C-alpha cells in the first residue's frame, strides 16, 4: 500500500496521497508538474489554514521529487507520561509544544528524542517506548526551503519529577497536564503536535 504524507506549511496542510483524505474542510488539488515549493510558500497568505493535495498513484515517488530541491533536517521528540498519567508540555515561542530537537552527528533518532527531552525539561527518561508517528513541516532558510522530519516517541519517567525548562532554548514553562485539562494546549499549538497527541491516544 502506498504511503501517504501530510506536510505542514505554517497552518496549511499539503497532502501527498493516492486517495482524498476524509475531512470536513475543502481541499484544493494541485498539479505536481512545474510545481515550485518556494513560490508556493510565498503565495500562501499569513494566517491561512487551507488544505492542498497532490493526488498521485505513487505518493512515495512524488515526495522524493519534492524533497530533491530542499534541505532535509531530521529531528526527534517525545510525548512523556508520568506515573500519575500526566503528560509533559512546554511553552515556547508563545505556543504550547512538546520537547524535540535536531539530530546531532553520531546519534540515531531514538537517542536524539531522549536527549532533547532530558535537556529541555531537566528530567531523566526511564523508558522510551514505541514510535508514535512522524511529522513533516516546511519553512524557508536563506535561499533554500527546508523539510523538517520529526520522529515522535512515547516515553515514561519514574514518579512525576520537577521540571526545569531550558530557558536558553526559549522555553518559558514546562508543566505536567492530565488529558482532561489540555484545552489551553489544543487552542494554542501546532497542527503537527495535534497529530502526535492523536497518535498517543490523548485526543
C-alpha atoms as a PDB file:
ATOM      1  CA  UNK A   1       0.000   0.000   0.000  1.00  0.00           C
ATOM      2  CA  UNK A   2       1.374   3.418  -0.958  1.00  0.00           C
ATOM      3  CA  UNK A   3       2.456   5.713   1.843  1.00  0.00           C
ATOM      4  CA  UNK A   4       0.567   8.937   2.494  1.00  0.00           C
ATOM      5  CA  UNK A   5       2.265  12.164   3.529  1.00  0.00           C
ATOM      6  CA  UNK A   6       0.965  15.144   5.477  1.00  0.00           C
ATOM      7  CA  UNK A   7       3.247  18.175   5.308  1.00  0.00           C
ATOM      8  CA  UNK A   8       2.598  21.337   7.308  1.00  0.00           C
ATOM      9  CA  UNK A   9       3.416  24.764   5.888  1.00  0.00           C
ATOM     10  CA  UNK A  10       2.676  27.138   8.783  1.00  0.00           C
ATOM     11  CA  UNK A  11      -1.012  26.345   9.471  1.00  0.00           C
ATOM     12  CA  UNK A  12      -1.630  24.995   5.964  1.00  0.00           C
ATOM     13  CA  UNK A  13      -1.568  21.289   5.099  1.00  0.00           C
ATOM     14  CA  UNK A  14      -0.150  19.706   1.964  1.00  0.00           C
ATOM     15  CA  UNK A  15      -1.118  16.066   1.415  1.00  0.00           C
ATOM     16  CA  UNK A  16       0.574  13.648  -0.951  1.00  0.00           C
ATOM     17  CA  UNK A  17      -1.702  10.658  -1.334  1.00  0.00           C
ATOM     18  CA  UNK A  18      -3.343   8.207  -3.714  1.00  0.00           C
ATOM     19  CA  UNK A  19      -6.788   8.899  -2.201  1.00  0.00           C
ATOM     20  CA  UNK A  20      -8.552  12.018  -0.943  1.00  0.00           C
ATOM     21  CA  UNK A  21      -8.371  12.213   2.862  1.00  0.00           C
ATOM     22  CA  UNK A  22     -11.611  12.232   4.818  1.00  0.00           C
ATOM     23  CA  UNK A  23     -12.023  15.719   6.231  1.00  0.00           C
ATOM     24  CA  UNK A  24     -14.693  18.380   6.535  1.00  0.00           C
ATOM     25  CA  UNK A  25     -12.534  21.192   5.162  1.00  0.00           C
ATOM     26  CA  UNK A  26     -12.335  21.856   1.443  1.00  0.00           C
ATOM     27  CA  UNK A  27      -9.163  20.515  -0.160  1.00  0.00           C
ATOM     28  CA  UNK A  28      -7.563  22.008  -3.273  1.00  0.00           C
ATOM     29  CA  UNK A  29      -5.905  19.682  -5.767  1.00  0.00           C
ATOM     30  CA  UNK A  30      -2.510  20.759  -7.143  1.00  0.00           C
ATOM     31  CA  UNK A  31      -0.592  19.670 -10.226  1.00  0.00           C
ATOM     32  CA  UNK A  32       2.942  18.490  -9.493  1.00  0.00           C
ATOM     33  CA  UNK A  33       4.338  19.338 -12.917  1.00  0.00           C
ATOM     34  CA  UNK A  34       6.155  22.713 -12.734  1.00  0.00           C
ATOM     35  CA  UNK A  35       5.372  22.950  -9.003  1.00  0.00           C
ATOM     36  CA  UNK A  36       7.875  25.052  -7.065  1.00  0.00           C
ATOM     37  CA  UNK A  37       7.709  24.803  -3.266  1.00  0.00           C
ATOM     38  CA  UNK A  38       9.358  28.172  -2.641  1.00  0.00           C
ATOM     39  CA  UNK A  39       6.936  30.005  -4.946  1.00  0.00           C
ATOM     40  CA  UNK A  40       4.006  28.144  -3.374  1.00  0.00           C
ATOM     41  CA  UNK A  41       5.219  29.090   0.123  1.00  0.00           C
ATOM     42  CA  UNK A  42       5.471  32.781  -0.793  1.00  0.00           C
ATOM     43  CA  UNK A  43       1.943  32.809  -2.228  1.00  0.00           C
ATOM     44  CA  UNK A  44       0.357  31.426   0.943  1.00  0.00           C
ATOM     45  CA  UNK A  45      -1.300  34.162   2.960  1.00  0.00           C
ATOM     46  CA  UNK A  46      -0.151  34.712   6.511  1.00  0.00           C
ATOM     47  CA  UNK A  47      -2.637  33.108   8.906  1.00  0.00           C
ATOM     48  CA  UNK A  48      -4.338  30.969   6.242  1.00  0.00           C
ATOM     49  CA  UNK A  49      -5.415  27.457   7.205  1.00  0.00           C
ATOM     50  CA  UNK A  50      -6.028  25.694   3.910  1.00  0.00           C
ATOM     51  CA  UNK A  51      -5.564  22.141   2.671  1.00  0.00           C
ATOM     52  CA  UNK A  52      -3.909  21.130  -0.599  1.00  0.00           C
ATOM     53  CA  UNK A  53      -3.187  17.753  -2.173  1.00  0.00           C
ATOM     54  CA  UNK A  54      -1.068  16.061  -4.801  1.00  0.00           C
ATOM     55  CA  UNK A  55      -3.277  13.161  -5.835  1.00  0.00           C
ATOM     56  CA  UNK A  56      -0.870  10.615  -7.283  1.00  0.00           C
ATOM     57  CA  UNK A  57      -0.598   6.872  -7.886  1.00  0.00           C
ATOM     58  CA  UNK A  58       2.854   6.883  -6.276  1.00  0.00           C
ATOM     59  CA  UNK A  59       2.974   9.207  -3.220  1.00  0.00           C
ATOM     60  CA  UNK A  60       6.455   7.982  -2.258  1.00  0.00           C
ATOM     61  CA  UNK A  61       7.921   8.960  -5.629  1.00  0.00           C
ATOM     62  CA  UNK A  62       6.184  12.369  -5.596  1.00  0.00           C
ATOM     63  CA  UNK A  63       7.515  13.038  -2.093  1.00  0.00           C
ATOM     64  CA  UNK A  64      11.018  12.042  -3.211  1.00  0.00           C
ATOM     65  CA  UNK A  65      10.823  14.550  -6.081  1.00  0.00           C
ATOM     66  CA  UNK A  66       9.533  17.274  -3.761  1.00  0.00           C
ATOM     67  CA  UNK A  67      12.453  16.700  -1.368  1.00  0.00           C
ATOM     68  CA  UNK A  68      15.038  16.856  -4.149  1.00  0.00           C
ATOM     69  CA  UNK A  69      15.340  20.662  -4.133  1.00  0.00           C
ATOM     70  CA  UNK A  70      15.019  21.041  -0.363  1.00  0.00           C
ATOM     71  CA  UNK A  71      17.337  20.735   2.581  1.00  0.00           C
ATOM     72  CA  UNK A  72      16.245  17.874   4.846  1.00  0.00           C
ATOM     73  CA  UNK A  73      16.589  18.374   8.593  1.00  0.00           C
ATOM     74  CA  UNK A  74      15.958  15.414  10.896  1.00  0.00           C
ATOM     75  CA  UNK A  75      14.654  15.863  14.414  1.00  0.00           C
ATOM     76  CA  UNK A  76      13.043  13.801  17.172  1.00  0.00           C
ATOM     77  CA  UNK A  77      10.970  14.387  20.271  1.00  0.00           C
ATOM     78  CA  UNK A  78       8.849  12.775  22.919  1.00  0.00           C
ATOM     79  CA  UNK A  79       5.391  12.522  24.410  1.00  0.00           C
ATOM     80  CA  UNK A  80       6.280  11.890  28.049  1.00  0.00           C
ATOM     81  CA  UNK A  81       3.929  10.338  30.606  1.00  0.00           C
ATOM     82  CA  UNK A  82       4.409  10.428  34.372  1.00  0.00           C
ATOM     83  CA  UNK A  83       3.440   7.678  36.807  1.00  0.00           C
ATOM     84  CA  UNK A  84       0.296   9.726  37.592  1.00  0.00           C
ATOM     85  CA  UNK A  85      -0.827   9.563  33.953  1.00  0.00           C
ATOM     86  CA  UNK A  86       0.006  13.217  33.280  1.00  0.00           C
ATOM     87  CA  UNK A  87       1.792  14.426  30.136  1.00  0.00           C
ATOM     88  CA  UNK A  88       4.685  16.825  29.734  1.00  0.00           C
ATOM     89  CA  UNK A  89       4.151  20.032  27.741  1.00  0.00           C
ATOM     90  CA  UNK A  90       6.409  23.016  27.187  1.00  0.00           C
ATOM     91  CA  UNK A  91       5.547  26.635  26.365  1.00  0.00           C
ATOM     92  CA  UNK A  92       7.929  28.049  23.771  1.00  0.00           C
ATOM     93  CA  UNK A  93       7.641  30.992  21.366  1.00  0.00           C
ATOM     94  CA  UNK A  94       4.142  31.803  22.656  1.00  0.00           C
ATOM     95  CA  UNK A  95       2.802  28.327  21.803  1.00  0.00           C
ATOM     96  CA  UNK A  96       2.367  25.023  23.597  1.00  0.00           C
ATOM     97  CA  UNK A  97       4.727  22.382  22.269  1.00  0.00           C
ATOM     98  CA  UNK A  98       6.419  19.067  23.041  1.00  0.00           C
ATOM     99  CA  UNK A  99      10.175  18.725  23.658  1.00  0.00           C
ATOM    100  CA  UNK A 100      12.099  17.998  20.462  1.00  0.00           C
ATOM    101  CA  UNK A 101      15.297  18.905  18.657  1.00  0.00           C
ATOM    102  CA  UNK A 102      17.637  18.243  15.762  1.00  0.00           C
ATOM    103  CA  UNK A 103      19.610  15.064  15.190  1.00  0.00           C
ATOM    104  CA  UNK A 104      23.282  15.501  16.081  1.00  0.00           C
ATOM    105  CA  UNK A 105      26.261  13.762  14.473  1.00  0.00           C
ATOM    106  CA  UNK A 106      26.635  10.158  15.600  1.00  0.00           C
ATOM    107  CA  UNK A 107      23.088   9.910  17.004  1.00  0.00           C
ATOM    108  CA  UNK A 108      20.109   7.916  15.859  1.00  0.00           C
ATOM    109  CA  UNK A 109      16.595   9.320  16.085  1.00  0.00           C
ATOM    110  CA  UNK A 110      15.747   7.429  19.282  1.00  0.00           C
ATOM    111  CA  UNK A 111      18.834   8.818  21.051  1.00  0.00           C
ATOM    112  CA  UNK A 112      18.029  12.350  19.861  1.00  0.00           C
ATOM    113  CA  UNK A 113      14.474  12.135  21.197  1.00  0.00           C
ATOM    114  CA  UNK A 114      15.601  11.081  24.689  1.00  0.00           C
ATOM    115  CA  UNK A 115      18.454  13.629  24.829  1.00  0.00           C
ATOM    116  CA  UNK A 116      16.214  16.514  23.786  1.00  0.00           C
ATOM    117  CA  UNK A 117      13.515  15.662  26.327  1.00  0.00           C
ATOM    118  CA  UNK A 118      16.103  15.384  29.111  1.00  0.00           C
ATOM    119  CA  UNK A 119      17.916  18.614  28.142  1.00  0.00           C
ATOM    120  CA  UNK A 120      14.836  20.738  27.550  1.00  0.00           C
ATOM    121  CA  UNK A 121      12.967  19.713  30.703  1.00  0.00           C
ATOM    122  CA  UNK A 122      15.707  18.716  33.185  1.00  0.00           C
ATOM    123  CA  UNK A 123      14.418  15.182  33.729  1.00  0.00           C
ATOM    124  CA  UNK A 124      15.601  11.600  33.263  1.00  0.00           C
ATOM    125  CA  UNK A 125      13.682   9.372  30.836  1.00  0.00           C
ATOM    126  CA  UNK A 126      13.120   5.950  32.417  1.00  0.00           C
ATOM    127  CA  UNK A 127      11.725   4.216  29.345  1.00  0.00           C
ATOM    128  CA  UNK A 128      11.471   5.059  25.660  1.00  0.00           C
ATOM    129  CA  UNK A 129       8.612   3.143  24.087  1.00  0.00           C
ATOM    130  CA  UNK A 130       7.320   2.801  20.527  1.00  0.00           C
ATOM    131  CA  UNK A 131       7.472   5.404  17.792  1.00  0.00           C
ATOM    132  CA  UNK A 132       4.116   7.178  17.691  1.00  0.00           C
ATOM    133  CA  UNK A 133       4.363   8.917  14.324  1.00  0.00           C
ATOM    134  CA  UNK A 134       6.480  11.202  12.174  1.00  0.00           C
ATOM    135  CA  UNK A 135       5.617  14.743  11.179  1.00  0.00           C
ATOM    136  CA  UNK A 136       6.852  16.999   8.380  1.00  0.00           C
ATOM    137  CA  UNK A 137       6.904  20.737   8.154  1.00  0.00           C
ATOM    138  CA  UNK A 138       8.303  23.213   5.671  1.00  0.00           C
ATOM    139  CA  UNK A 139       9.990  26.561   6.221  1.00  0.00           C
ATOM    140  CA  UNK A 140      12.482  28.799   4.395  1.00  0.00           C
ATOM    141  CA  UNK A 141      16.133  29.042   5.461  1.00  0.00           C
ATOM    142  CA  UNK A 142      18.087  31.601   3.492  1.00  0.00           C
ATOM    143  CA  UNK A 143      17.519  30.918  -0.195  1.00  0.00           C
ATOM    144  CA  UNK A 144      16.518  27.261   0.358  1.00  0.00           C
ATOM    145  CA  UNK A 145      13.389  25.541   1.542  1.00  0.00           C
ATOM    146  CA  UNK A 146      13.698  23.102   4.431  1.00  0.00           C
ATOM    147  CA  UNK A 147      11.616  19.986   5.016  1.00  0.00           C
ATOM    148  CA  UNK A 148      11.941  19.047   8.671  1.00  0.00           C
ATOM    149  CA  UNK A 149      11.121  15.434   9.514  1.00  0.00           C
ATOM    150  CA  UNK A 150      10.465  14.734  13.195  1.00  0.00           C
ATOM    151  CA  UNK A 151      10.093  11.261  14.693  1.00  0.00           C
ATOM    152  CA  UNK A 152       7.980  11.167  17.860  1.00  0.00           C
ATOM    153  CA  UNK A 153       8.312   8.543  20.601  1.00  0.00           C
ATOM    154  CA  UNK A 154       6.275   7.678  23.655  1.00  0.00           C
ATOM    155  CA  UNK A 155       8.292   7.911  26.894  1.00  0.00           C
ATOM    156  CA  UNK A 156       7.841   7.315  30.612  1.00  0.00           C
ATOM    157  CA  UNK A 157       9.535   8.728  33.704  1.00  0.00           C
ATOM    158  CA  UNK A 158       9.758   7.479  37.277  1.00  0.00           C
ATOM    159  CA  UNK A 159       7.320   9.313  39.520  1.00  0.00           C
ATOM    160  CA  UNK A 160       6.495  12.825  38.380  1.00  0.00           C
ATOM    161  CA  UNK A 161       9.763  14.765  38.565  1.00  0.00           C
ATOM    162  CA  UNK A 162      10.098  18.526  38.922  1.00  0.00           C
ATOM    163  CA  UNK A 163      10.535  20.135  35.507  1.00  0.00           C
ATOM    164  CA  UNK A 164      13.336  22.593  34.760  1.00  0.00           C
ATOM    165  CA  UNK A 165      12.611  24.388  31.461  1.00  0.00           C
ATOM    166  CA  UNK A 166      15.704  25.091  29.352  1.00  0.00           C
ATOM    167  CA  UNK A 167      15.446  28.896  29.173  1.00  0.00           C
ATOM    168  CA  UNK A 168      18.294  29.251  26.655  1.00  0.00           C
ATOM    169  CA  UNK A 169      16.167  27.241  24.193  1.00  0.00           C
ATOM    170  CA  UNK A 170      13.342  29.757  24.580  1.00  0.00           C
ATOM    171  CA  UNK A 171      11.244  27.518  26.834  1.00  0.00           C
ATOM    172  CA  UNK A 172       9.305  29.696  29.301  1.00  0.00           C
ATOM    173  CA  UNK A 173       7.423  26.925  31.064  1.00  0.00           C
ATOM    174  CA  UNK A 174       7.280  23.138  31.400  1.00  0.00           C
ATOM    175  CA  UNK A 175       4.228  21.518  33.014  1.00  0.00           C
ATOM    176  CA  UNK A 176       2.524  18.196  33.679  1.00  0.00           C
ATOM    177  CA  UNK A 177      -1.108  18.091  32.491  1.00  0.00           C
ATOM    178  CA  UNK A 178      -3.675  15.317  32.515  1.00  0.00           C
ATOM    179  CA  UNK A 179      -5.518  14.685  29.273  1.00  0.00           C
ATOM    180  CA  UNK A 180      -8.745  16.189  30.618  1.00  0.00           C
ATOM    181  CA  UNK A 181      -7.031  19.559  31.114  1.00  0.00           C
ATOM    182  CA  UNK A 182      -5.227  20.138  27.834  1.00  0.00           C
ATOM    183  CA  UNK A 183      -7.780  22.607  26.440  1.00  0.00           C
ATOM    184  CA  UNK A 184      -5.279  25.527  26.506  1.00  0.00           C
ATOM    185  CA  UNK A 185      -2.751  23.353  24.619  1.00  0.00           C
ATOM    186  CA  UNK A 186      -5.260  22.370  21.923  1.00  0.00           C
ATOM    187  CA  UNK A 187      -6.251  26.024  21.422  1.00  0.00           C
ATOM    188  CA  UNK A 188      -2.660  27.226  21.031  1.00  0.00           C
ATOM    189  CA  UNK A 189      -0.361  24.637  19.497  1.00  0.00           C
ATOM    190  CA  UNK A 190       0.902  23.468  16.095  1.00  0.00           C
ATOM    191  CA  UNK A 191      -1.050  21.126  13.770  1.00  0.00           C
ATOM    192  CA  UNK A 192       1.849  18.636  13.921  1.00  0.00           C
ATOM    193  CA  UNK A 193       1.576  18.473  17.738  1.00  0.00           C
ATOM    194  CA  UNK A 194      -2.130  17.656  17.382  1.00  0.00           C
ATOM    195  CA  UNK A 195      -1.090  14.695  15.208  1.00  0.00           C
ATOM    196  CA  UNK A 196       1.251  13.480  17.967  1.00  0.00           C
ATOM    197  CA  UNK A 197      -1.479  13.799  20.617  1.00  0.00           C
ATOM    198  CA  UNK A 198      -3.868  11.798  18.423  1.00  0.00           C
ATOM    199  CA  UNK A 199      -1.230   9.126  17.820  1.00  0.00           C
ATOM    200  CA  UNK A 200      -0.629   8.960  21.568  1.00  0.00           C
ATOM    201  CA  UNK A 201      -4.339   8.434  22.279  1.00  0.00           C
ATOM    202  CA  UNK A 202      -4.730  11.701  24.191  1.00  0.00           C
ATOM    203  CA  UNK A 203      -7.287  13.183  21.771  1.00  0.00           C
END
